[in-house]
N, C-alpha and C. Protein backbone atom coordinates (compact mmCIF):
# COMPACT_ATOMS: atom_id res chain seq x y z
N MET A 1 44.98 200.98 59.72
CA MET A 1 45.44 199.76 59.04
C MET A 1 46.59 199.31 59.25
N LYS A 2 46.99 198.23 59.55
CA LYS A 2 47.93 197.47 59.65
C LYS A 2 49.18 197.66 58.85
N LYS A 3 50.46 197.61 59.54
CA LYS A 3 51.41 197.81 58.57
C LYS A 3 51.86 196.78 57.52
N GLU A 4 51.71 195.64 57.64
CA GLU A 4 51.79 194.84 56.84
C GLU A 4 50.81 195.00 55.57
N LYS A 5 49.77 194.94 55.87
CA LYS A 5 48.56 195.23 55.00
C LYS A 5 48.89 196.66 54.20
N ARG A 6 49.40 197.37 54.85
CA ARG A 6 49.70 198.97 54.22
C ARG A 6 50.90 198.49 53.09
N GLN A 7 51.73 198.15 53.63
CA GLN A 7 52.97 197.35 52.93
C GLN A 7 52.60 196.84 51.52
N ARG A 8 51.93 195.73 51.74
CA ARG A 8 51.25 194.86 50.56
C ARG A 8 50.47 195.95 49.68
N LEU A 9 49.97 196.84 50.08
CA LEU A 9 49.06 197.77 49.36
C LEU A 9 49.96 198.87 48.32
N ILE A 10 50.97 199.20 49.20
CA ILE A 10 52.44 200.21 48.51
C ILE A 10 52.61 199.17 47.47
N LYS A 11 53.08 197.92 47.75
CA LYS A 11 53.75 197.07 46.79
C LYS A 11 52.94 196.97 45.49
N GLN A 12 51.59 196.82 45.61
CA GLN A 12 50.69 196.77 44.53
C GLN A 12 50.47 198.10 43.88
N LEU A 13 50.28 199.01 44.52
CA LEU A 13 50.33 200.50 43.93
C LEU A 13 51.89 200.82 42.87
N VAL A 14 52.71 200.40 43.78
CA VAL A 14 54.20 200.47 42.72
C VAL A 14 53.96 199.72 41.84
N SER A 15 53.45 198.65 41.35
CA SER A 15 53.59 197.91 40.50
C SER A 15 52.48 198.39 39.41
N GLU A 16 51.53 198.98 39.78
CA GLU A 16 50.47 199.40 38.99
C GLU A 16 50.64 200.87 38.51
N TYR A 17 51.17 201.57 39.05
CA TYR A 17 51.39 203.16 38.73
C TYR A 17 52.84 203.41 38.50
N GLU A 18 52.95 204.50 37.77
CA GLU A 18 54.40 205.32 37.66
C GLU A 18 54.52 206.05 38.76
N ILE A 19 55.24 205.75 40.02
CA ILE A 19 55.11 206.78 41.22
C ILE A 19 56.56 207.36 40.95
N GLU A 20 56.66 208.62 40.98
CA GLU A 20 57.86 209.24 41.26
C GLU A 20 58.27 209.96 42.57
N THR A 21 57.23 210.12 43.18
CA THR A 21 57.64 210.62 44.44
C THR A 21 56.89 210.04 45.61
N GLN A 22 57.47 210.20 46.88
CA GLN A 22 56.84 209.82 48.12
C GLN A 22 55.55 210.63 48.21
N GLU A 23 55.13 211.98 47.84
CA GLU A 23 54.15 212.54 47.96
C GLU A 23 53.05 211.90 47.02
N LYS A 24 53.22 211.61 45.76
CA LYS A 24 52.15 210.83 45.03
C LYS A 24 52.04 209.50 45.83
N LEU A 25 52.75 208.94 46.24
CA LEU A 25 52.27 207.50 47.21
C LEU A 25 51.46 207.82 48.24
N VAL A 26 51.66 209.00 48.87
CA VAL A 26 50.85 209.17 49.76
C VAL A 26 49.36 209.59 49.47
N GLU A 27 49.28 210.37 48.27
CA GLU A 27 48.16 210.61 47.67
C GLU A 27 47.20 209.15 47.17
N LEU A 28 48.12 208.34 46.66
CA LEU A 28 47.38 206.97 45.87
C LEU A 28 46.85 206.43 47.23
N LEU A 29 47.52 206.49 48.63
CA LEU A 29 46.99 205.60 49.59
C LEU A 29 46.00 206.14 49.96
N ALA A 30 45.80 207.80 50.11
CA ALA A 30 44.55 208.32 50.84
C ALA A 30 43.55 208.00 49.64
N GLU A 31 43.68 207.51 48.47
CA GLU A 31 42.31 207.47 47.61
C GLU A 31 41.92 205.92 48.01
N GLN A 32 42.77 205.33 48.67
CA GLN A 32 42.60 203.90 49.04
C GLN A 32 42.05 203.83 50.65
N ASP A 33 41.73 205.21 51.06
CA ASP A 33 41.28 205.60 52.44
C ASP A 33 42.16 205.19 53.41
N VAL A 34 43.44 205.28 53.30
CA VAL A 34 44.60 205.08 53.91
C VAL A 34 45.52 206.22 54.10
N MET A 35 45.46 206.77 55.49
CA MET A 35 46.08 208.21 55.84
C MET A 35 47.44 207.88 56.23
N VAL A 36 48.27 208.03 55.81
CA VAL A 36 49.82 207.95 56.48
C VAL A 36 50.52 209.27 56.15
N THR A 37 51.64 209.43 57.01
CA THR A 37 52.64 210.73 56.87
C THR A 37 53.66 210.35 55.76
N GLN A 38 54.23 211.11 55.56
CA GLN A 38 55.31 211.05 54.49
C GLN A 38 56.45 210.24 55.30
N ALA A 39 56.73 210.50 56.63
CA ALA A 39 57.81 209.92 57.17
C ALA A 39 57.48 208.27 57.30
N THR A 40 56.39 207.99 57.29
CA THR A 40 56.09 206.57 57.50
C THR A 40 56.10 205.74 56.17
N ILE A 41 55.88 206.51 54.88
CA ILE A 41 55.96 206.05 53.85
C ILE A 41 57.61 205.86 53.41
N SER A 42 58.27 206.92 54.11
CA SER A 42 59.81 206.74 53.83
C SER A 42 60.38 205.55 54.56
N ARG A 43 59.97 205.19 55.81
CA ARG A 43 60.44 203.86 56.35
C ARG A 43 59.74 202.64 55.77
N ASP A 44 58.31 202.86 55.27
CA ASP A 44 58.00 201.83 54.67
C ASP A 44 58.82 201.34 53.36
N ILE A 45 59.22 202.34 52.35
CA ILE A 45 60.11 202.34 51.30
C ILE A 45 61.36 201.65 51.38
N ARG A 46 61.65 202.05 52.74
CA ARG A 46 63.14 201.65 53.14
C ARG A 46 62.99 199.87 53.30
N GLU A 47 61.86 199.77 54.11
CA GLU A 47 61.49 198.31 54.83
C GLU A 47 61.17 197.19 53.53
N LEU A 48 60.36 197.90 52.45
CA LEU A 48 60.17 197.26 51.42
C LEU A 48 61.27 197.14 50.24
N ASN A 49 62.44 197.80 50.47
CA ASN A 49 63.47 197.64 49.37
C ASN A 49 63.26 198.43 48.34
N LEU A 50 62.34 199.34 48.17
CA LEU A 50 61.90 199.95 47.22
C LEU A 50 63.20 200.61 46.12
N ILE A 51 62.98 200.62 45.29
CA ILE A 51 64.18 201.25 44.45
C ILE A 51 63.61 202.14 43.47
N LYS A 52 64.42 203.30 43.05
CA LYS A 52 63.93 204.19 41.74
C LYS A 52 64.81 203.54 40.49
N ILE A 53 63.84 203.50 39.63
CA ILE A 53 64.17 203.14 38.25
C ILE A 53 63.91 203.93 37.17
N ALA A 54 64.27 204.02 36.02
CA ALA A 54 63.85 204.87 34.74
C ALA A 54 62.73 203.87 34.25
N SER A 55 61.64 204.45 33.91
CA SER A 55 60.65 204.22 33.26
C SER A 55 60.72 204.10 31.93
N PRO A 56 60.10 203.53 30.98
CA PRO A 56 60.24 203.68 29.50
C PRO A 56 59.83 205.14 29.04
N LYS A 57 59.32 205.82 29.75
CA LYS A 57 58.96 207.26 29.95
C LYS A 57 60.25 208.13 30.15
N GLY A 58 61.05 207.59 30.94
CA GLY A 58 62.30 208.37 30.93
C GLY A 58 62.05 208.93 32.71
N LEU A 59 60.90 208.57 33.40
CA LEU A 59 60.52 208.92 34.48
C LEU A 59 61.27 208.06 35.63
N MET A 60 61.67 208.74 36.59
CA MET A 60 62.59 207.92 37.58
C MET A 60 61.51 207.35 38.90
N ILE A 61 61.00 206.09 38.77
CA ILE A 61 59.59 205.62 39.48
C ILE A 61 60.26 204.65 40.69
N TYR A 62 59.65 204.52 41.47
CA TYR A 62 59.73 203.56 42.48
C TYR A 62 59.44 202.06 41.77
N HIS A 63 60.05 201.09 42.15
CA HIS A 63 60.17 199.82 41.85
C HIS A 63 60.46 198.99 43.19
N ALA A 64 59.91 197.66 43.12
CA ALA A 64 60.15 196.77 44.28
C ALA A 64 61.06 195.88 43.96
N SER A 65 62.03 195.89 44.65
CA SER A 65 63.09 195.02 44.35
C SER A 65 63.72 193.82 45.62
N SER A 66 63.94 192.93 45.47
CA SER A 66 64.10 191.89 46.48
C SER A 66 65.43 192.33 47.05
N GLU A 67 65.84 191.70 48.31
CA GLU A 67 67.03 191.98 48.99
C GLU A 67 68.36 191.23 48.15
N MET A 68 67.88 190.17 47.74
CA MET A 68 68.84 189.10 47.01
C MET A 68 69.01 190.05 45.59
N ALA A 69 68.04 190.92 45.00
CA ALA A 69 68.45 191.43 43.86
C ALA A 69 69.30 192.64 44.45
N LEU A 70 68.97 193.54 45.34
CA LEU A 70 69.89 194.40 45.79
C LEU A 70 71.10 194.25 46.00
N GLN A 71 71.52 193.14 46.63
CA GLN A 71 73.01 192.43 47.05
C GLN A 71 73.34 192.25 45.68
N THR A 72 72.77 191.66 44.53
CA THR A 72 73.39 191.50 43.31
C THR A 72 73.71 192.58 42.38
N ASP A 73 72.81 193.76 42.54
CA ASP A 73 73.03 195.05 42.05
C ASP A 73 74.24 195.49 42.51
N LEU A 74 74.41 195.61 44.00
CA LEU A 74 75.80 195.72 44.56
C LEU A 74 77.15 195.27 43.84
N LYS A 75 76.85 194.04 44.13
CA LYS A 75 78.09 193.21 43.29
C LYS A 75 78.29 193.48 41.74
N LEU A 76 76.96 193.79 41.09
CA LEU A 76 77.24 194.18 39.77
C LEU A 76 78.03 195.42 39.48
N LYS A 77 77.49 196.45 40.45
CA LYS A 77 78.32 197.61 40.21
C LYS A 77 79.48 197.60 40.73
N ARG A 78 80.33 196.92 41.66
CA ARG A 78 81.50 196.84 42.03
C ARG A 78 82.36 196.11 40.98
N LYS A 79 81.53 195.02 40.35
CA LYS A 79 82.49 194.36 39.21
C LYS A 79 82.59 195.03 37.94
N LEU A 80 81.46 195.71 37.60
CA LEU A 80 81.45 196.62 36.39
C LEU A 80 82.64 197.67 36.48
N GLN A 81 82.62 198.33 37.75
CA GLN A 81 83.48 199.32 38.03
C GLN A 81 84.90 198.65 37.65
N GLU A 82 85.15 197.67 38.13
CA GLU A 82 86.64 196.75 38.23
C GLU A 82 86.73 196.54 36.89
N VAL A 83 86.12 195.88 35.98
CA VAL A 83 86.27 195.04 35.02
C VAL A 83 85.97 195.58 33.59
N VAL A 84 84.96 196.67 33.50
CA VAL A 84 84.56 196.91 32.27
C VAL A 84 85.35 197.96 31.38
N VAL A 85 85.61 197.73 30.32
CA VAL A 85 86.52 198.50 29.51
C VAL A 85 85.66 199.46 28.79
N ARG A 86 84.68 199.11 28.33
CA ARG A 86 83.64 200.19 27.80
C ARG A 86 82.28 199.58 27.34
N ILE A 87 81.05 200.27 27.18
CA ILE A 87 79.89 199.68 27.01
C ILE A 87 79.55 200.55 25.64
N ASP A 88 79.19 199.66 24.78
CA ASP A 88 78.54 200.32 23.43
C ASP A 88 76.93 199.77 23.52
N TYR A 89 76.36 200.66 22.66
CA TYR A 89 74.95 200.51 22.45
C TYR A 89 74.43 200.58 21.05
N VAL A 90 73.92 199.40 20.39
CA VAL A 90 73.37 199.51 18.92
C VAL A 90 71.98 198.92 18.95
N ASP A 91 71.06 199.98 18.58
CA ASP A 91 69.73 199.06 18.53
C ASP A 91 69.13 198.60 19.81
N GLN A 92 68.75 197.62 19.93
CA GLN A 92 68.74 196.75 20.95
C GLN A 92 69.60 195.91 21.93
N LEU A 93 70.95 196.16 21.19
CA LEU A 93 71.66 195.44 21.81
C LEU A 93 72.73 196.41 22.61
N THR A 94 73.25 195.85 24.15
CA THR A 94 74.10 196.39 24.73
C THR A 94 75.29 195.45 24.71
N ILE A 95 76.48 195.79 24.40
CA ILE A 95 77.79 195.24 24.13
C ILE A 95 78.89 195.92 25.39
N ILE A 96 79.09 194.87 26.02
CA ILE A 96 79.93 195.08 27.35
C ILE A 96 81.39 194.43 27.08
N LYS A 97 82.32 195.24 26.97
CA LYS A 97 83.77 194.73 26.77
C LYS A 97 84.56 194.98 28.18
N THR A 98 84.91 193.57 28.52
CA THR A 98 85.38 193.76 29.72
C THR A 98 87.13 193.15 29.82
N LEU A 99 87.72 193.56 30.91
CA LEU A 99 89.11 192.82 31.07
C LEU A 99 89.12 191.38 30.81
N PRO A 100 89.94 190.73 30.05
CA PRO A 100 89.85 189.08 29.55
C PRO A 100 89.63 188.32 30.91
N GLY A 101 88.69 187.54 30.55
CA GLY A 101 88.33 186.43 31.51
C GLY A 101 87.16 187.01 32.49
N ASN A 102 86.66 187.85 32.22
CA ASN A 102 85.49 188.21 33.34
C ASN A 102 84.11 188.67 32.68
N ALA A 103 84.03 188.60 31.28
CA ALA A 103 82.79 188.78 30.76
C ALA A 103 81.72 187.66 31.39
N HIS A 104 82.04 186.37 31.61
CA HIS A 104 81.15 185.55 32.16
C HIS A 104 80.51 185.79 33.53
N VAL A 105 81.34 186.45 34.44
CA VAL A 105 80.82 186.93 35.62
C VAL A 105 79.96 188.11 35.78
N ILE A 106 80.33 189.00 34.80
CA ILE A 106 79.15 189.99 34.27
C ILE A 106 77.90 189.50 34.10
N GLY A 107 77.90 188.29 33.01
CA GLY A 107 76.83 187.61 32.71
C GLY A 107 75.96 186.82 33.54
N VAL A 108 76.47 185.98 34.99
CA VAL A 108 75.92 185.65 35.90
C VAL A 108 75.05 186.74 36.67
N LEU A 109 76.03 187.87 36.79
CA LEU A 109 75.27 188.36 37.83
C LEU A 109 74.37 189.43 37.06
N LEU A 110 74.33 189.55 35.84
CA LEU A 110 72.90 190.42 35.11
C LEU A 110 72.30 189.26 34.88
N ASP A 111 72.06 188.07 34.62
CA ASP A 111 71.30 186.84 34.69
C ASP A 111 70.62 186.93 35.97
N ASP A 112 71.10 187.19 36.94
CA ASP A 112 70.76 186.97 38.44
C ASP A 112 69.59 188.40 38.90
N LEU A 113 69.98 189.32 38.29
CA LEU A 113 69.09 190.27 38.33
C LEU A 113 67.73 190.16 37.74
N ASN A 114 67.70 189.51 36.83
CA ASN A 114 66.62 189.23 36.22
C ASN A 114 65.67 190.53 35.70
N TRP A 115 66.50 191.49 35.29
CA TRP A 115 65.93 192.53 34.70
C TRP A 115 64.87 192.22 33.58
N LYS A 116 63.96 193.09 33.55
CA LYS A 116 62.84 192.73 32.50
C LYS A 116 63.07 193.25 31.40
N GLU A 117 63.84 194.31 31.21
CA GLU A 117 64.50 194.91 29.93
C GLU A 117 65.51 193.80 29.40
N MET A 118 65.88 192.80 29.89
CA MET A 118 66.91 191.86 29.09
C MET A 118 66.05 190.61 28.68
N ALA A 119 66.12 190.79 27.55
CA ALA A 119 65.66 189.30 27.01
C ALA A 119 66.67 188.00 27.04
N GLY A 120 67.88 188.44 26.86
CA GLY A 120 68.87 187.40 27.12
C GLY A 120 70.21 187.95 27.28
N CYS A 121 71.49 187.21 27.53
CA CYS A 121 72.63 187.71 27.78
C CYS A 121 73.43 186.61 27.42
N ILE A 122 74.56 186.61 26.32
CA ILE A 122 75.49 185.74 25.94
C ILE A 122 76.90 186.47 26.00
N CYS A 123 77.75 185.80 26.60
CA CYS A 123 79.10 186.02 27.20
C CYS A 123 80.40 185.17 26.60
N GLY A 124 81.22 185.76 26.30
CA GLY A 124 82.38 185.00 26.03
C GLY A 124 83.56 185.49 27.04
N ASN A 125 84.65 185.46 26.54
CA ASN A 125 85.79 185.78 27.54
C ASN A 125 85.90 187.21 27.83
N ASP A 126 85.55 188.10 26.99
CA ASP A 126 85.82 189.63 27.32
C ASP A 126 84.72 190.52 26.82
N THR A 127 83.58 189.65 26.37
CA THR A 127 82.54 190.46 25.79
C THR A 127 81.09 189.70 26.14
N CYS A 128 80.26 190.71 26.62
CA CYS A 128 78.79 190.15 26.81
C CYS A 128 77.83 191.13 26.11
N LEU A 129 77.32 190.25 25.31
CA LEU A 129 76.13 190.76 24.68
C LEU A 129 74.56 190.55 25.17
N VAL A 130 74.18 191.74 25.59
CA VAL A 130 72.87 192.00 26.43
C VAL A 130 71.84 192.33 25.06
N ILE A 131 70.79 191.44 25.05
CA ILE A 131 69.73 191.41 24.08
C ILE A 131 68.37 192.07 24.69
N SER A 132 67.96 193.45 24.40
CA SER A 132 66.55 193.89 24.69
C SER A 132 65.71 193.59 23.85
N ARG A 133 64.28 193.44 24.01
CA ARG A 133 63.38 193.23 23.17
C ARG A 133 63.01 194.15 22.35
N ASN A 134 63.38 195.57 22.68
CA ASN A 134 63.37 196.60 21.63
C ASN A 134 64.15 197.64 22.35
N ARG A 135 64.10 199.06 21.49
CA ARG A 135 65.18 200.09 21.71
C ARG A 135 64.70 200.86 22.96
N SER A 136 63.75 200.85 23.56
CA SER A 136 63.30 201.52 24.52
C SER A 136 63.69 200.91 26.08
N GLU A 137 63.64 199.40 25.82
CA GLU A 137 63.99 198.90 26.73
C GLU A 137 65.41 198.90 26.72
N ARG A 138 66.22 198.86 25.80
CA ARG A 138 67.84 199.02 25.90
C ARG A 138 67.99 200.29 26.45
N LYS A 139 67.46 201.24 25.95
CA LYS A 139 67.50 202.69 26.47
C LYS A 139 67.50 202.71 28.30
N ILE A 140 66.66 201.99 28.74
CA ILE A 140 66.35 201.74 30.25
C ILE A 140 67.72 201.33 30.60
N LEU A 141 68.29 200.27 29.98
CA LEU A 141 69.31 199.48 30.35
C LEU A 141 70.59 200.48 30.25
N GLU A 142 70.81 201.31 29.18
CA GLU A 142 71.83 202.36 29.16
C GLU A 142 71.66 203.25 30.48
N GLU A 143 70.50 203.42 30.78
CA GLU A 143 70.20 204.51 31.99
C GLU A 143 70.97 203.87 33.42
N ARG A 144 70.61 202.67 33.24
CA ARG A 144 70.85 201.73 34.47
C ARG A 144 72.53 201.70 34.63
N PHE A 145 73.06 201.54 33.78
CA PHE A 145 74.46 201.52 33.31
C PHE A 145 75.21 202.75 33.58
N ASN A 146 74.62 203.75 33.30
CA ASN A 146 74.94 205.06 33.38
C ASN A 146 75.18 205.34 34.77
N LEU A 147 73.81 205.13 35.44
CA LEU A 147 73.99 205.43 36.82
C LEU A 147 74.99 204.67 37.84
N ILE A 148 75.49 203.33 37.02
CA ILE A 148 76.69 202.76 37.82
C ILE A 148 77.84 203.46 37.95
N PHE A 149 78.24 204.10 36.74
CA PHE A 149 79.52 204.69 36.07
C PHE A 149 79.43 206.09 36.80
N ARG A 150 78.58 206.48 37.45
CA ARG A 150 78.42 207.98 37.76
C ARG A 150 79.40 208.20 39.34
């Protein structure tokens, strides 16, 4: 199978299944009669910009991410580390307190990421209110923010 077709299949599998390991991805490809090595999968993952995110079940799974989202993610990480005073979580709300004048920048970066766990984001001068549809999606956001501050 040609590389482009294999990579399309990988993206499809990643969107349909909760894949935690490269080995699991190799197994799923084998079920589709596509035989590859772990080294090939590793290269494909890098080229496809697949990242690991926390699933609603708390598993770290592969997820397709665009290059723009990766760049925005890096900008968000740097900006959060520079300007965030604290983050609080209440039910399905995430409250991000920033240094004065910085909340809107965080809001723009969060909006650009287009995270499915965010229903919306409202920012003032020093506070961003991030709204999730439910508590489990808010917990995913909490895990994402915790990874940033490690």
